[in-house]
Amino acid sequence: MTSKPAAAQHLRDLALLRRVRDRIDREYAQPLDVEALARGVNMSAGHFSRQFRLAYGEPPYAYLMTRRIERAMALLRRGDLSVTEVCFAVGCASLGTFSSRFTELVGVPPSVYRRQAAPAKAGMPSCVEKQVTKPIRNREAPAPEPRLA
């Protein structure tokens, strides 16, 4: 059984973690790192990462990159920015890292996504488009069917 002080501390920690998650959602294009985010809520980086993962199912850096990729997808669908411009607009400092993470989450490189996405989403309401185009992490993707030899 948990004591009242421990339960109260857990609720305070959850409120702090929610504040950090909201900050990531707002400031995804800014240079954010786990140490700075942890300092902002007076936690060690390790403790902060573990607690964030327990609360939200993924580490803070993965959450940040998912937000950046979601925004990049929207910018690429517009079609008026190059992949490099989108990379820097969402706060990534390395085009290689951006492309690798984008491909991992979306399934195709950003240049291919940019080429294919605009006509495919034409006329779709933005609220539906957001749900349809949400990136899927590898752990969430359906497992491939087993092959019988």
Protein backbone atom coordinates (compact mmCIF):
# COMPACT_ATOMS: atom_id res chain seq x y z
CA MET A 1 0.00 0.00 0.00
CA THR A 2 1.32 3.47 -0.78
CA SER A 3 1.51 6.13 1.83
CA LYS A 4 -0.24 9.46 1.43
CA PRO A 5 3.03 11.42 1.11
CA ALA A 6 4.27 9.04 -1.61
CA ALA A 7 0.97 9.31 -3.50
CA ALA A 8 1.06 13.10 -3.21
CA GLN A 9 4.64 13.16 -4.53
CA HIS A 10 3.62 10.93 -7.44
CA LEU A 11 0.84 13.35 -8.36
CA ARG A 12 3.27 16.30 -8.16
CA ASP A 13 5.71 14.42 -10.41
CA LEU A 14 2.94 13.73 -12.94
CA ALA A 15 2.03 17.42 -12.99
CA LEU A 16 5.68 18.31 -13.62
CA LEU A 17 5.92 15.72 -16.39
CA ARG A 18 2.76 17.08 -18.01
CA ARG A 19 4.30 20.54 -17.92
CA VAL A 20 7.42 19.22 -19.68
CA ARG A 21 5.32 17.38 -22.26
CA ASP A 22 3.39 20.59 -22.95
CA ARG A 23 6.69 22.46 -23.29
CA ILE A 24 7.93 19.91 -25.83
CA ASP A 25 4.67 20.25 -27.76
CA ARG A 26 5.05 24.06 -27.82
CA GLU A 27 8.80 24.39 -28.30
CA TYR A 28 9.58 21.34 -30.48
CA ALA A 29 11.51 23.55 -32.94
CA GLN A 30 13.82 24.89 -30.22
CA PRO A 31 17.02 23.12 -29.18
CA LEU A 32 15.76 20.92 -26.34
CA ASP A 33 17.75 18.25 -24.57
CA VAL A 34 16.85 15.84 -21.80
CA GLU A 35 19.23 17.42 -19.29
CA ALA A 36 17.72 20.90 -19.75
CA LEU A 37 14.17 19.53 -19.57
CA ALA A 38 15.02 17.63 -16.38
CA ARG A 39 16.68 20.70 -14.84
CA GLY A 40 13.50 22.65 -15.53
CA VAL A 41 11.56 20.37 -13.18
CA ASN A 42 14.39 19.81 -10.67
CA MET A 43 14.98 16.14 -11.49
CA SER A 44 18.06 14.27 -12.54
CA ALA A 45 18.14 13.39 -16.23
CA GLY A 46 17.97 9.67 -15.51
CA HIS A 47 15.06 9.92 -13.08
CA PHE A 48 13.24 12.31 -15.40
CA SER A 49 13.66 9.98 -18.39
CA ARG A 50 12.43 6.95 -16.44
CA GLN A 51 9.42 8.80 -15.04
CA PHE A 52 8.53 10.29 -18.44
CA ARG A 53 8.69 6.86 -20.05
CA LEU A 54 6.48 5.38 -17.33
CA ALA A 55 3.94 8.19 -17.73
CA TYR A 56 3.86 8.47 -21.54
CA GLY A 57 5.18 5.17 -22.88
CA GLU A 58 8.30 6.56 -24.54
CA PRO A 59 11.41 8.47 -23.48
CA PRO A 60 11.38 12.28 -23.74
CA TYR A 61 13.76 12.40 -26.73
CA ALA A 62 11.59 9.95 -28.70
CA TYR A 63 8.51 12.01 -27.82
CA LEU A 64 10.25 15.19 -29.03
CA MET A 65 11.33 13.57 -32.29
CA THR A 66 7.81 12.26 -32.90
CA ARG A 67 6.43 15.80 -32.50
CA ARG A 68 9.08 17.12 -34.89
CA ILE A 69 8.31 14.45 -37.48
CA GLU A 70 4.57 15.11 -37.21
CA ARG A 71 5.19 18.80 -37.91
CA ALA A 72 7.62 17.94 -40.71
CA MET A 73 4.96 15.77 -42.33
CA ALA A 74 2.55 18.72 -42.34
CA LEU A 75 5.18 21.04 -43.83
CA LEU A 76 6.14 18.49 -46.50
CA ARG A 77 2.49 18.02 -47.47
CA ARG A 78 2.26 21.76 -48.16
CA GLY A 79 4.97 21.26 -50.79
CA ASP A 80 6.46 24.76 -50.69
CA LEU A 81 9.59 23.91 -48.64
CA SER A 82 12.52 21.66 -49.47
CA VAL A 83 13.37 18.72 -47.21
CA THR A 84 16.37 20.65 -45.87
CA GLU A 85 14.23 23.69 -45.05
CA VAL A 86 11.71 21.48 -43.27
CA CYS A 87 14.49 19.75 -41.33
CA PHE A 88 15.71 23.03 -39.88
CA ALA A 89 12.19 24.47 -39.45
CA VAL A 90 11.25 21.66 -37.05
CA GLY A 91 14.41 22.03 -34.97
CA CYS A 92 16.63 19.25 -36.30
CA ALA A 93 20.29 20.18 -36.68
CA SER A 94 21.28 17.23 -38.85
CA LEU A 95 19.66 16.39 -42.16
CA GLY A 96 20.94 12.80 -41.89
CA THR A 97 19.43 12.24 -38.45
CA PHE A 98 16.19 13.89 -39.55
CA SER A 99 15.94 11.70 -42.66
CA SER A 100 16.75 8.53 -40.73
CA ARG A 101 14.20 9.22 -38.00
CA PHE A 102 11.58 10.32 -40.54
CA THR A 103 12.06 7.11 -42.52
CA GLU A 104 11.89 5.04 -39.32
CA LEU A 105 8.62 6.62 -38.18
CA VAL A 106 6.85 7.20 -41.49
CA GLY A 107 8.17 4.32 -43.57
CA VAL A 108 9.47 6.38 -46.49
CA PRO A 109 12.20 9.03 -46.79
CA PRO A 110 11.06 12.67 -46.51
CA SER A 111 11.67 13.37 -50.21
CA VAL A 112 9.43 10.46 -51.22
CA TYR A 113 6.79 11.50 -48.69
CA ARG A 114 6.83 15.06 -50.05
CA ARG A 115 6.37 13.81 -53.60
CA GLN A 116 3.55 11.37 -52.75
CA ALA A 117 1.66 13.14 -49.95
CA ALA A 118 0.29 16.27 -51.60
CA PRO A 119 -1.94 14.58 -54.22
CA ALA A 120 -2.98 11.78 -51.86
CA LYS A 121 -4.35 14.16 -49.21
CA ALA A 122 -6.03 16.66 -51.55
CA GLY A 123 -9.48 17.63 -50.34
CA MET A 124 -9.17 15.78 -47.03
CA PRO A 125 -10.21 17.83 -43.95
CA SER A 126 -7.20 18.69 -41.78
CA CYS A 127 -8.65 16.97 -38.70
CA VAL A 128 -8.91 13.68 -40.64
CA GLU A 129 -5.55 14.22 -42.33
CA LYS A 130 -3.84 14.54 -38.93
CA GLN A 131 -5.16 11.15 -37.80
CA VAL A 132 -4.46 9.40 -41.11
CA THR A 133 -0.90 10.68 -41.37
CA LYS A 134 0.16 10.24 -37.73
CA PRO A 135 3.60 8.58 -37.59
CA ILE A 136 3.70 5.01 -36.28
CA ARG A 137 6.68 3.83 -34.29
CA ASN A 138 8.17 0.46 -35.18
CA ARG A 139 6.86 -1.08 -31.97
CA GLU A 140 3.33 -0.04 -32.92
CA ALA A 141 3.45 -1.27 -36.49
CA PRO A 142 1.71 -4.58 -37.14
CA ALA A 143 4.02 -7.58 -37.16
CA PRO A 144 4.59 -9.08 -40.60
CA GLU A 145 2.85 -12.33 -41.38
CA PRO A 146 5.11 -15.35 -40.83
CA ARG A 147 6.37 -16.93 -44.03
CA LEU A 148 5.97 -20.63 -44.48
CA ALA A 149 8.76 -22.24 -46.45
